[in-house]
């Protein structure tokens, strides 16, 4: 395998999101296992400025492809830009963030390069000179280990699973790549952000989630009350979403959103593998459940066995009491 690894750091609304540093972290870990070198790619209308923000040690070079046509998420234009980087460089692995745009771009590059693509990876290692990655299979009910036979392997990194590469005083070399885009068949029309007054589940530092143990949709009233008290986002298990108790935008897990909060409270959630894989990297996990032997209770930092309809009001009351409210 070629020992050069490329981390594609995709800007989002003019800045580098956390997913860019997660991809860099995965690239560095893979390079450490293979004694390889890490390179980064930034494409955008202000790519060279953004490249300066990638002050991460262990990165050999940052390829910056800058052009006004790269200001929007047009798959074809960005694929042309990445292809320009690949003209003079060969990489054994190319890593993309698992955002909507990252997935679409990775799929297009896979077709262009005729290279294998592993989607939504949760773990990546070197074995016998080949990269092996783990990803969810069968709707998150199992984990599959996959490898790519081609010389170049493409991987999509599932968001919020891996830690971010820490920024420091490092100054990797920035290499500007001349770029003259060809006409694209695809046209970027507009971006409409989702309007919501709720705390964003994907970036929340605290999350309170409800599952099948709530019994019905009415159960989410106390989940929302606890979340409001903690200034937390509201999450849910797949079972609760499938039952129609709450919308899909709240689903946590490999088939929903992968999260990495400081506090995750799982209320009435048994802890199926696809749910655990989506939140097990939380800093502190508190589980409330009547079954002390369920996987979530064994995974949690703090497990409380009992009726959540009795416990949650007491927790809310105690928090308000300590706050003097």
C-alpha atoms as a PDB file:
ATOM      1  CA  UNK A   1       0.000   0.000   0.000  1.00  0.00           C
ATOM      2  CA  UNK A   2       1.183   3.521  -0.800  1.00  0.00           C
ATOM      3  CA  UNK A   3       2.170   5.110   2.515  1.00  0.00           C
ATOM      4  CA  UNK A   4       0.680   8.505   1.762  1.00  0.00           C
ATOM      5  CA  UNK A   5      -2.714   9.346   3.247  1.00  0.00           C
ATOM      6  CA  UNK A   6      -4.893  12.255   2.133  1.00  0.00           C
ATOM      7  CA  UNK A   7      -7.432  13.829   4.483  1.00  0.00           C
ATOM      8  CA  UNK A   8     -10.037  15.837   2.574  1.00  0.00           C
ATOM      9  CA  UNK A   9     -11.055  18.710   4.877  1.00  0.00           C
ATOM     10  CA  UNK A  10     -14.295  20.146   3.519  1.00  0.00           C
ATOM     11  CA  UNK A  11     -15.281  23.708   4.487  1.00  0.00           C
ATOM     12  CA  UNK A  12     -18.814  24.346   5.671  1.00  0.00           C
ATOM     13  CA  UNK A  13     -20.365  27.775   5.233  1.00  0.00           C
ATOM     14  CA  UNK A  14     -16.950  29.414   4.932  1.00  0.00           C
ATOM     15  CA  UNK A  15     -15.159  27.715   7.842  1.00  0.00           C
ATOM     16  CA  UNK A  16     -13.675  24.358   8.781  1.00  0.00           C
ATOM     17  CA  UNK A  17     -16.106  22.315  10.921  1.00  0.00           C
ATOM     18  CA  UNK A  18     -15.196  19.704  13.527  1.00  0.00           C
ATOM     19  CA  UNK A  19     -15.486  16.965  10.877  1.00  0.00           C
ATOM     20  CA  UNK A  20     -12.356  18.338   9.156  1.00  0.00           C
ATOM     21  CA  UNK A  21     -10.279  17.761  12.295  1.00  0.00           C
ATOM     22  CA  UNK A  22     -11.859  14.339  12.888  1.00  0.00           C
ATOM     23  CA  UNK A  23     -10.706  13.246   9.422  1.00  0.00           C
ATOM     24  CA  UNK A  24      -7.211  14.541  10.183  1.00  0.00           C
ATOM     25  CA  UNK A  25      -7.188  12.594  13.454  1.00  0.00           C
ATOM     26  CA  UNK A  26      -8.080   9.351  11.649  1.00  0.00           C
ATOM     27  CA  UNK A  27      -5.412  10.030   9.007  1.00  0.00           C
ATOM     28  CA  UNK A  28      -2.754  10.584  11.671  1.00  0.00           C
ATOM     29  CA  UNK A  29      -3.704   7.387  13.498  1.00  0.00           C
ATOM     30  CA  UNK A  30      -3.565   5.381  10.266  1.00  0.00           C
ATOM     31  CA  UNK A  31      -0.211   6.916   9.350  1.00  0.00           C
ATOM     32  CA  UNK A  32       1.202   5.982  12.749  1.00  0.00           C
ATOM     33  CA  UNK A  33       0.232   2.344  12.162  1.00  0.00           C
ATOM     34  CA  UNK A  34       1.663   2.214   8.648  1.00  0.00           C
ATOM     35  CA  UNK A  35       4.672   4.533   9.131  1.00  0.00           C
ATOM     36  CA  UNK A  36       3.074   6.710   6.492  1.00  0.00           C
ATOM     37  CA  UNK A  37       2.718  10.427   5.858  1.00  0.00           C
ATOM     38  CA  UNK A  38      -0.372  12.602   6.229  1.00  0.00           C
ATOM     39  CA  UNK A  39      -1.442  15.201   3.692  1.00  0.00           C
ATOM     40  CA  UNK A  40      -4.519  17.415   3.786  1.00  0.00           C
ATOM     41  CA  UNK A  41      -6.649  18.951   1.048  1.00  0.00           C
ATOM     42  CA  UNK A  42      -8.749  22.103   1.305  1.00  0.00           C
ATOM     43  CA  UNK A  43     -10.872  23.258  -1.639  1.00  0.00           C
ATOM     44  CA  UNK A  44     -12.836  26.495  -1.595  1.00  0.00           C
ATOM     45  CA  UNK A  45     -12.983  30.130  -2.610  1.00  0.00           C
ATOM     46  CA  UNK A  46     -10.754  30.973   0.411  1.00  0.00           C
ATOM     47  CA  UNK A  47      -8.816  27.713   0.571  1.00  0.00           C
ATOM     48  CA  UNK A  48      -5.402  29.203   1.370  1.00  0.00           C
ATOM     49  CA  UNK A  49      -6.801  31.173   4.311  1.00  0.00           C
ATOM     50  CA  UNK A  50      -8.590  28.091   5.648  1.00  0.00           C
ATOM     51  CA  UNK A  51      -5.458  25.991   5.174  1.00  0.00           C
ATOM     52  CA  UNK A  52      -3.652  28.229   7.648  1.00  0.00           C
ATOM     53  CA  UNK A  53      -6.214  27.181  10.268  1.00  0.00           C
ATOM     54  CA  UNK A  54      -5.142  23.543   9.933  1.00  0.00           C
ATOM     55  CA  UNK A  55      -2.308  24.033  12.397  1.00  0.00           C
ATOM     56  CA  UNK A  56      -1.975  20.364  13.279  1.00  0.00           C
ATOM     57  CA  UNK A  57       1.327  18.604  13.861  1.00  0.00           C
ATOM     58  CA  UNK A  58       2.152  15.553  11.800  1.00  0.00           C
ATOM     59  CA  UNK A  59       0.720  16.924   8.556  1.00  0.00           C
ATOM     60  CA  UNK A  60       3.354  16.959   5.801  1.00  0.00           C
ATOM     61  CA  UNK A  61       1.636  19.350   3.390  1.00  0.00           C
ATOM     62  CA  UNK A  62      -1.722  21.005   2.848  1.00  0.00           C
ATOM     63  CA  UNK A  63      -2.907  21.207  -0.750  1.00  0.00           C
ATOM     64  CA  UNK A  64      -5.030  24.327  -1.219  1.00  0.00           C
ATOM     65  CA  UNK A  65      -7.210  24.548  -4.317  1.00  0.00           C
ATOM     66  CA  UNK A  66      -8.715  28.019  -4.469  1.00  0.00           C
ATOM     67  CA  UNK A  67     -11.267  29.272  -6.985  1.00  0.00           C
ATOM     68  CA  UNK A  68     -14.586  31.193  -6.800  1.00  0.00           C
ATOM     69  CA  UNK A  69     -16.342  28.169  -8.345  1.00  0.00           C
ATOM     70  CA  UNK A  70     -15.478  26.183  -5.201  1.00  0.00           C
ATOM     71  CA  UNK A  71     -17.462  28.502  -2.919  1.00  0.00           C
ATOM     72  CA  UNK A  72     -20.504  26.201  -3.082  1.00  0.00           C
ATOM     73  CA  UNK A  73     -20.942  22.456  -2.637  1.00  0.00           C
ATOM     74  CA  UNK A  74     -20.958  21.448  -6.282  1.00  0.00           C
ATOM     75  CA  UNK A  75     -19.833  17.810  -6.397  1.00  0.00           C
ATOM     76  CA  UNK A  76     -18.490  17.954  -9.947  1.00  0.00           C
ATOM     77  CA  UNK A  77     -16.384  21.090  -9.410  1.00  0.00           C
ATOM     78  CA  UNK A  78     -14.937  19.787  -6.139  1.00  0.00           C
ATOM     79  CA  UNK A  79     -14.218  16.398  -7.735  1.00  0.00           C
ATOM     80  CA  UNK A  80     -12.272  18.218 -10.460  1.00  0.00           C
ATOM     81  CA  UNK A  81     -10.276  20.045  -7.761  1.00  0.00           C
ATOM     82  CA  UNK A  82      -9.381  16.859  -5.892  1.00  0.00           C
ATOM     83  CA  UNK A  83      -8.490  15.155  -9.156  1.00  0.00           C
ATOM     84  CA  UNK A  84      -6.075  18.024  -9.804  1.00  0.00           C
ATOM     85  CA  UNK A  85      -4.304  17.220  -6.523  1.00  0.00           C
ATOM     86  CA  UNK A  86      -4.105  13.552  -7.478  1.00  0.00           C
ATOM     87  CA  UNK A  87      -2.431  14.297 -10.819  1.00  0.00           C
ATOM     88  CA  UNK A  88       0.968  14.699  -9.201  1.00  0.00           C
ATOM     89  CA  UNK A  89       0.489  12.644  -6.059  1.00  0.00           C
ATOM     90  CA  UNK A  90      -0.409   9.061  -5.218  1.00  0.00           C
ATOM     91  CA  UNK A  91      -2.235   8.095  -2.034  1.00  0.00           C
ATOM     92  CA  UNK A  92      -2.959   4.698  -0.543  1.00  0.00           C
ATOM     93  CA  UNK A  93      -5.966   6.063   1.350  1.00  0.00           C
ATOM     94  CA  UNK A  94      -8.198   9.095   0.872  1.00  0.00           C
ATOM     95  CA  UNK A  95     -10.447  10.027   3.788  1.00  0.00           C
ATOM     96  CA  UNK A  96     -13.653  12.067   3.556  1.00  0.00           C
ATOM     97  CA  UNK A  97     -15.888  13.423   6.338  1.00  0.00           C
ATOM     98  CA  UNK A  98     -19.251  11.695   6.705  1.00  0.00           C
ATOM     99  CA  UNK A  99     -21.290  14.818   6.002  1.00  0.00           C
ATOM    100  CA  UNK A 100     -23.961  14.818   3.289  1.00  0.00           C
ATOM    101  CA  UNK A 101     -21.610  16.611   0.913  1.00  0.00           C
ATOM    102  CA  UNK A 102     -18.646  14.468   1.949  1.00  0.00           C
ATOM    103  CA  UNK A 103     -20.533  11.260   1.162  1.00  0.00           C
ATOM    104  CA  UNK A 104     -21.695  12.535  -2.217  1.00  0.00           C
ATOM    105  CA  UNK A 105     -18.212  13.726  -3.163  1.00  0.00           C
ATOM    106  CA  UNK A 106     -16.551  10.480  -2.012  1.00  0.00           C
ATOM    107  CA  UNK A 107     -18.954   8.422  -4.111  1.00  0.00           C
ATOM    108  CA  UNK A 108     -18.173  10.515  -7.197  1.00  0.00           C
ATOM    109  CA  UNK A 109     -14.414  10.235  -6.614  1.00  0.00           C
ATOM    110  CA  UNK A 110     -14.756   6.472  -6.129  1.00  0.00           C
ATOM    111  CA  UNK A 111     -16.380   6.186  -9.547  1.00  0.00           C
ATOM    112  CA  UNK A 112     -13.774   8.445 -11.175  1.00  0.00           C
ATOM    113  CA  UNK A 113     -10.841   6.550  -9.695  1.00  0.00           C
ATOM    114  CA  UNK A 114     -12.481   3.119 -10.004  1.00  0.00           C
ATOM    115  CA  UNK A 115     -11.474   2.661  -6.382  1.00  0.00           C
ATOM    116  CA  UNK A 116     -13.197   0.865  -3.519  1.00  0.00           C
ATOM    117  CA  UNK A 117     -15.160   2.916  -0.999  1.00  0.00           C
ATOM    118  CA  UNK A 118     -15.983   2.063   2.632  1.00  0.00           C
ATOM    119  CA  UNK A 119     -18.823   4.157   4.032  1.00  0.00           C
ATOM    120  CA  UNK A 120     -19.398   5.435   7.594  1.00  0.00           C
ATOM    121  CA  UNK A 121     -16.427   3.751   9.202  1.00  0.00           C
ATOM    122  CA  UNK A 122     -16.253   3.599  12.995  1.00  0.00           C
ATOM    123  CA  UNK A 123     -12.794   2.025  13.272  1.00  0.00           C
ATOM    124  CA  UNK A 124      -9.771   1.747  10.979  1.00  0.00           C
ATOM    125  CA  UNK A 125      -6.600  -0.305  11.376  1.00  0.00           C
ATOM    126  CA  UNK A 126      -3.693  -1.782   9.417  1.00  0.00           C
ATOM    127  CA  UNK A 127      -3.502  -5.588   9.075  1.00  0.00           C
ATOM    128  CA  UNK A 128      -0.927  -7.402   6.941  1.00  0.00           C
ATOM    129  CA  UNK A 129      -0.199  -4.276   4.943  1.00  0.00           C
ATOM    130  CA  UNK A 130      -3.881  -3.659   4.174  1.00  0.00           C
ATOM    131  CA  UNK A 131      -6.309  -1.209   5.673  1.00  0.00           C
ATOM    132  CA  UNK A 132      -9.277  -2.737   7.439  1.00  0.00           C
ATOM    133  CA  UNK A 133     -12.268  -0.695   8.522  1.00  0.00           C
ATOM    134  CA  UNK A 134     -15.368  -1.414  10.544  1.00  0.00           C
ATOM    135  CA  UNK A 135     -18.790  -0.094   9.624  1.00  0.00           C
ATOM    136  CA  UNK A 136     -22.407  -0.787  10.474  1.00  0.00           C
ATOM    137  CA  UNK A 137     -24.307  -3.428   8.516  1.00  0.00           C
ATOM    138  CA  UNK A 138     -27.913  -4.627   8.422  1.00  0.00           C
ATOM    139  CA  UNK A 139     -29.341  -1.282   9.583  1.00  0.00           C
ATOM    140  CA  UNK A 140     -26.860  -1.079  12.431  1.00  0.00           C
ATOM    141  CA  UNK A 141     -27.627  -4.512  13.846  1.00  0.00           C
ATOM    142  CA  UNK A 142     -24.112  -5.799  13.089  1.00  0.00           C
ATOM    143  CA  UNK A 143     -20.599  -4.490  12.469  1.00  0.00           C
ATOM    144  CA  UNK A 144     -18.799  -5.508   9.266  1.00  0.00           C
ATOM    145  CA  UNK A 145     -15.035  -5.513   8.720  1.00  0.00           C
ATOM    146  CA  UNK A 146     -14.164  -4.425   5.185  1.00  0.00           C
ATOM    147  CA  UNK A 147     -10.980  -3.981   3.166  1.00  0.00           C
ATOM    148  CA  UNK A 148     -10.322  -2.522  -0.279  1.00  0.00           C
ATOM    149  CA  UNK A 149      -8.454  -4.519  -2.935  1.00  0.00           C
ATOM    150  CA  UNK A 150      -7.444  -1.559  -5.140  1.00  0.00           C
ATOM    151  CA  UNK A 151      -4.201   0.393  -4.652  1.00  0.00           C
ATOM    152  CA  UNK A 152      -6.171   3.452  -3.578  1.00  0.00           C
ATOM    153  CA  UNK A 153      -8.871   3.042  -0.932  1.00  0.00           C
ATOM    154  CA  UNK A 154     -11.511   5.648  -0.117  1.00  0.00           C
ATOM    155  CA  UNK A 155     -13.101   5.914   3.325  1.00  0.00           C
ATOM    156  CA  UNK A 156     -15.948   7.998   4.712  1.00  0.00           C
ATOM    157  CA  UNK A 157     -15.415   8.791   8.387  1.00  0.00           C
ATOM    158  CA  UNK A 158     -18.594   8.666  10.479  1.00  0.00           C
ATOM    159  CA  UNK A 159     -18.955  12.044  12.262  1.00  0.00           C
ATOM    160  CA  UNK A 160     -18.586  12.401  16.033  1.00  0.00           C
ATOM    161  CA  UNK A 161     -17.013   8.948  16.474  1.00  0.00           C
ATOM    162  CA  UNK A 162     -13.320   9.850  16.341  1.00  0.00           C
ATOM    163  CA  UNK A 163     -11.601  12.594  18.372  1.00  0.00           C
ATOM    164  CA  UNK A 164     -10.528  15.792  16.664  1.00  0.00           C
ATOM    165  CA  UNK A 165      -6.869  16.388  15.869  1.00  0.00           C
ATOM    166  CA  UNK A 166      -5.653  19.043  18.279  1.00  0.00           C
ATOM    167  CA  UNK A 167      -4.648  22.403  16.868  1.00  0.00           C
ATOM    168  CA  UNK A 168      -1.221  23.645  17.909  1.00  0.00           C
ATOM    169  CA  UNK A 169       1.640  25.835  16.754  1.00  0.00           C
ATOM    170  CA  UNK A 170       2.547  23.562  13.850  1.00  0.00           C
ATOM    171  CA  UNK A 171       2.963  25.199  10.438  1.00  0.00           C
ATOM    172  CA  UNK A 172       2.574  22.578   7.704  1.00  0.00           C
ATOM    173  CA  UNK A 173       3.646  23.612   4.225  1.00  0.00           C
ATOM    174  CA  UNK A 174       0.744  25.008   2.175  1.00  0.00           C
ATOM    175  CA  UNK A 175       0.920  24.066  -1.504  1.00  0.00           C
ATOM    176  CA  UNK A 176      -1.354  26.130  -3.804  1.00  0.00           C
ATOM    177  CA  UNK A 177      -2.757  24.050  -6.678  1.00  0.00           C
ATOM    178  CA  UNK A 178      -3.591  25.961  -9.900  1.00  0.00           C
ATOM    179  CA  UNK A 179      -7.171  25.235 -10.914  1.00  0.00           C
ATOM    180  CA  UNK A 180      -9.331  26.113 -13.920  1.00  0.00           C
ATOM    181  CA  UNK A 181     -12.666  24.296 -13.569  1.00  0.00           C
ATOM    182  CA  UNK A 182     -14.437  22.797 -16.513  1.00  0.00           C
ATOM    183  CA  UNK A 183     -18.136  23.344 -17.051  1.00  0.00           C
ATOM    184  CA  UNK A 184     -20.244  21.128 -14.786  1.00  0.00           C
ATOM    185  CA  UNK A 185     -23.556  19.471 -15.606  1.00  0.00           C
ATOM    186  CA  UNK A 186     -24.638  19.988 -12.017  1.00  0.00           C
ATOM    187  CA  UNK A 187     -25.796  23.402 -10.808  1.00  0.00           C
ATOM    188  CA  UNK A 188     -25.785  24.592  -7.209  1.00  0.00           C
ATOM    189  CA  UNK A 189     -29.063  26.410  -6.515  1.00  0.00           C
ATOM    190  CA  UNK A 190     -29.224  27.419  -2.848  1.00  0.00           C
ATOM    191  CA  UNK A 191     -28.713  26.406   0.767  1.00  0.00           C
ATOM    192  CA  UNK A 192     -31.658  26.535   3.162  1.00  0.00           C
ATOM    193  CA  UNK A 193     -30.669  25.896   6.791  1.00  0.00           C
ATOM    194  CA  UNK A 194     -33.140  23.964   8.911  1.00  0.00           C
ATOM    195  CA  UNK A 195     -35.128  26.362  11.069  1.00  0.00           C
ATOM    196  CA  UNK A 196     -35.541  25.043  14.604  1.00  0.00           C
ATOM    197  CA  UNK A 197     -35.654  26.516  18.097  1.00  0.00           C
ATOM    198  CA  UNK A 198     -34.319  23.266  19.598  1.00  0.00           C
ATOM    199  CA  UNK A 199     -30.685  22.639  20.523  1.00  0.00           C
ATOM    200  CA  UNK A 200     -28.880  20.920  17.653  1.00  0.00           C
ATOM    201  CA  UNK A 201     -28.462  17.242  18.487  1.00  0.00           C
ATOM    202  CA  UNK A 202     -25.238  16.872  16.499  1.00  0.00           C
ATOM    203  CA  UNK A 203     -23.327  19.578  18.402  1.00  0.00           C
ATOM    204  CA  UNK A 204     -25.024  19.442  21.820  1.00  0.00           C
ATOM    205  CA  UNK A 205     -22.862  19.122  24.940  1.00  0.00           C
ATOM    206  CA  UNK A 206     -25.760  17.520  26.848  1.00  0.00           C
ATOM    207  CA  UNK A 207     -28.386  15.131  25.478  1.00  0.00           C
ATOM    208  CA  UNK A 208     -31.384  13.477  27.115  1.00  0.00           C
ATOM    209  CA  UNK A 209     -32.733  10.547  25.079  1.00  0.00           C
ATOM    210  CA  UNK A 210     -35.862   8.457  25.434  1.00  0.00           C
ATOM    211  CA  UNK A 211     -36.521   4.929  24.216  1.00  0.00           C
ATOM    212  CA  UNK A 212     -39.049   2.119  24.127  1.00  0.00           C
ATOM    213  CA  UNK A 213     -39.169   2.126  27.939  1.00  0.00           C
ATOM    214  CA  UNK A 214     -41.207   5.356  27.828  1.00  0.00           C
ATOM    215  CA  UNK A 215     -44.169   3.274  26.719  1.00  0.00           C
ATOM    216  CA  UNK A 216     -45.758   5.922  24.488  1.00  0.00           C
ATOM    217  CA  UNK A 217     -45.289   9.292  22.819  1.00  0.00           C
ATOM    218  CA  UNK A 218     -46.543  11.095  25.944  1.00  0.00           C
ATOM    219  CA  UNK A 219     -43.395   9.928  27.690  1.00  0.00           C
ATOM    220  CA  UNK A 220     -41.339  12.451  25.769  1.00  0.00           C
ATOM    221  CA  UNK A 221     -43.000  15.230  27.793  1.00  0.00           C
ATOM    222  CA  UNK A 222     -40.840  14.371  30.813  1.00  0.00           C
ATOM    223  CA  UNK A 223     -37.814  13.825  28.546  1.00  0.00           C
ATOM    224  CA  UNK A 224     -38.271  17.359  27.198  1.00  0.00           C
ATOM    225  CA  UNK A 225     -38.777  18.711  30.721  1.00  0.00           C
ATOM    226  CA  UNK A 226     -35.505  17.158  31.883  1.00  0.00           C
ATOM    227  CA  UNK A 227     -33.725  18.334  28.734  1.00  0.00           C
ATOM    228  CA  UNK A 228     -35.002  21.881  29.242  1.00  0.00           C
ATOM    229  CA  UNK A 229     -33.827  21.836  32.851  1.00  0.00           C
ATOM    230  CA  UNK A 230     -30.347  20.687  31.782  1.00  0.00           C
ATOM    231  CA  UNK A 231     -30.302  22.943  28.702  1.00  0.00           C
ATOM    232  CA  UNK A 232     -29.840  19.757  26.702  1.00  0.00           C
ATOM    233  CA  UNK A 233     -30.904  18.461  23.298  1.00  0.00           C
ATOM    234  CA  UNK A 234     -33.607  15.793  23.004  1.00  0.00           C
ATOM    235  CA  UNK A 235     -32.595  12.451  21.510  1.00  0.00           C
ATOM    236  CA  UNK A 236     -34.356   9.164  20.897  1.00  0.00           C
ATOM    237  CA  UNK A 237     -33.714   5.521  20.141  1.00  0.00           C
ATOM    238  CA  UNK A 238     -34.619   3.999  16.811  1.00  0.00           C
ATOM    239  CA  UNK A 239     -37.445   2.046  18.457  1.00  0.00           C
ATOM    240  CA  UNK A 240     -39.071   5.259  19.677  1.00  0.00           C
ATOM    241  CA  UNK A 241     -38.751   6.856  16.245  1.00  0.00           C
ATOM    242  CA  UNK A 242     -40.074   3.765  14.450  1.00  0.00           C
ATOM    243  CA  UNK A 243     -43.066   3.785  16.809  1.00  0.00           C
ATOM    244  CA  UNK A 244     -43.873   7.322  15.680  1.00  0.00           C
ATOM    245  CA  UNK A 245     -43.386   8.829  19.139  1.00  0.00           C
ATOM    246  CA  UNK A 246     -40.888  11.432  17.918  1.00  0.00           C
ATOM    247  CA  UNK A 247     -39.456  12.570  14.579  1.00  0.00           C
ATOM    248  CA  UNK A 248     -36.418  11.022  12.900  1.00  0.00           C
ATOM    249  CA  UNK A 249     -34.366  14.219  13.394  1.00  0.00           C
ATOM    250  CA  UNK A 250     -33.989  13.165  17.059  1.00  0.00           C
ATOM    251  CA  UNK A 251     -32.737   9.627  16.369  1.00  0.00           C
ATOM    252  CA  UNK A 252     -29.350   8.736  17.852  1.00  0.00           C
ATOM    253  CA  UNK A 253     -27.382   5.802  16.447  1.00  0.00           C
ATOM    254  CA  UNK A 254     -25.679   4.567  13.317  1.00  0.00           C
ATOM    255  CA  UNK A 255     -28.972   4.858  11.420  1.00  0.00           C
ATOM    256  CA  UNK A 256     -29.574   8.311  12.921  1.00  0.00           C
ATOM    257  CA  UNK A 257     -27.060  10.811  14.274  1.00  0.00           C
ATOM    258  CA  UNK A 258     -23.762   9.951  15.895  1.00  0.00           C
ATOM    259  CA  UNK A 259     -23.151  12.185  18.901  1.00  0.00           C
ATOM    260  CA  UNK A 260     -20.303  12.962  21.289  1.00  0.00           C
ATOM    261  CA  UNK A 261     -21.685  15.072  24.146  1.00  0.00           C
ATOM    262  CA  UNK A 262     -20.158  15.657  27.560  1.00  0.00           C
ATOM    263  CA  UNK A 263     -23.325  14.191  29.124  1.00  0.00           C
ATOM    264  CA  UNK A 264     -25.667  11.595  27.606  1.00  0.00           C
ATOM    265  CA  UNK A 265     -28.739  10.485  29.587  1.00  0.00           C
ATOM    266  CA  UNK A 266     -30.415   7.338  28.246  1.00  0.00           C
ATOM    267  CA  UNK A 267     -33.919   6.952  29.649  1.00  0.00           C
ATOM    268  CA  UNK A 268     -35.686   3.687  28.935  1.00  0.00           C
ATOM    269  CA  UNK A 269     -33.147   2.688  26.274  1.00  0.00           C
ATOM    270  CA  UNK A 270     -31.896  -0.906  26.433  1.00  0.00           C
ATOM    271  CA  UNK A 271     -28.824  -0.203  24.274  1.00  0.00           C
ATOM    272  CA  UNK A 272     -28.935  -2.065  20.978  1.00  0.00           C
ATOM    273  CA  UNK A 273     -25.608  -2.167  19.118  1.00  0.00           C
ATOM    274  CA  UNK A 274     -26.583   0.450  16.524  1.00  0.00           C
ATOM    275  CA  UNK A 275     -27.586   2.902  19.290  1.00  0.00           C
ATOM    276  CA  UNK A 276     -24.495   2.276  21.418  1.00  0.00           C
ATOM    277  CA  UNK A 277     -22.221   2.816  18.419  1.00  0.00           C
ATOM    278  CA  UNK A 278     -23.843   6.215  17.914  1.00  0.00           C
ATOM    279  CA  UNK A 279     -23.292   7.559  21.445  1.00  0.00           C
ATOM    280  CA  UNK A 280     -20.814   5.353  23.341  1.00  0.00           C
ATOM    281  CA  UNK A 281     -18.018   7.925  22.909  1.00  0.00           C
ATOM    282  CA  UNK A 282     -19.941  10.378  25.152  1.00  0.00           C
ATOM    283  CA  UNK A 283     -17.807  11.633  28.042  1.00  0.00           C
ATOM    284  CA  UNK A 284     -20.337  10.673  30.737  1.00  0.00           C
ATOM    285  CA  UNK A 285     -23.279   8.313  30.218  1.00  0.00           C
ATOM    286  CA  UNK A 286     -26.159   8.098  32.687  1.00  0.00           C
ATOM    287  CA  UNK A 287     -28.664   5.270  32.186  1.00  0.00           C
ATOM    288  CA  UNK A 288     -32.141   5.056  33.741  1.00  0.00           C
ATOM    289  CA  UNK A 289     -33.789   1.673  33.205  1.00  0.00           C
ATOM    290  CA  UNK A 290     -35.787  -0.990  34.997  1.00  0.00           C
ATOM    291  CA  UNK A 291     -33.499  -3.720  33.617  1.00  0.00           C
ATOM    292  CA  UNK A 292     -30.106  -3.599  35.374  1.00  0.00           C
ATOM    293  CA  UNK A 293     -28.697  -6.221  32.979  1.00  0.00           C
ATOM    294  CA  UNK A 294     -29.391  -4.420  29.682  1.00  0.00           C
ATOM    295  CA  UNK A 295     -26.376  -3.329  27.556  1.00  0.00           C
ATOM    296  CA  UNK A 296     -26.934   0.399  28.192  1.00  0.00           C
ATOM    297  CA  UNK A 297     -26.789  -0.060  31.970  1.00  0.00           C
ATOM    298  CA  UNK A 298     -23.514  -1.961  31.629  1.00  0.00           C
ATOM    299  CA  UNK A 299     -22.063   0.669  29.278  1.00  0.00           C
ATOM    300  CA  UNK A 300     -23.058   3.690  31.378  1.00  0.00           C
ATOM    301  CA  UNK A 301     -20.762   5.652  33.672  1.00  0.00           C
ATOM    302  CA  UNK A 302     -23.666   5.773  36.146  1.00  0.00           C
ATOM    303  CA  UNK A 303     -26.572   3.293  36.070  1.00  0.00           C
ATOM    304  CA  UNK A 304     -29.792   3.835  38.020  1.00  0.00           C
ATOM    305  CA  UNK A 305     -32.307   0.967  38.122  1.00  0.00           C
ATOM    306  CA  UNK A 306     -35.888   2.055  38.611  1.00  0.00           C
ATOM    307  CA  UNK A 307     -39.027   3.582  37.136  1.00  0.00           C
ATOM    308  CA  UNK A 308     -38.021   6.583  35.008  1.00  0.00           C
ATOM    309  CA  UNK A 309     -41.471   8.152  35.609  1.00  0.00           C
ATOM    310  CA  UNK A 310     -40.584   8.289  39.299  1.00  0.00           C
ATOM    311  CA  UNK A 311     -36.913   9.196  38.898  1.00  0.00           C
ATOM    312  CA  UNK A 312     -37.012  11.955  36.269  1.00  0.00           C
ATOM    313  CA  UNK A 313     -39.390  14.275  38.212  1.00  0.00           C
ATOM    314  CA  UNK A 314     -37.158  13.846  41.273  1.00  0.00           C
ATOM    315  CA  UNK A 315     -34.046  14.680  39.225  1.00  0.00           C
ATOM    316  CA  UNK A 316     -35.724  17.766  37.759  1.00  0.00           C
ATOM    317  CA  UNK A 317     -36.873  18.917  41.194  1.00  0.00           C
ATOM    318  CA  UNK A 318     -33.393  18.433  42.694  1.00  0.00           C
ATOM    319  CA  UNK A 319     -31.701  20.363  39.879  1.00  0.00           C
ATOM    320  CA  UNK A 320     -34.149  23.247  40.296  1.00  0.00           C
ATOM    321  CA  UNK A 321     -33.668  23.161  44.065  1.00  0.00           C
ATOM    322  CA  UNK A 322     -29.888  23.380  43.783  1.00  0.00           C
ATOM    323  CA  UNK A 323     -30.222  26.244  41.335  1.00  0.00           C
ATOM    324  CA  UNK A 324     -32.491  28.016  43.768  1.00  0.00           C
ATOM    325  CA  UNK A 325     -35.501  27.823  41.465  1.00  0.00           C
END
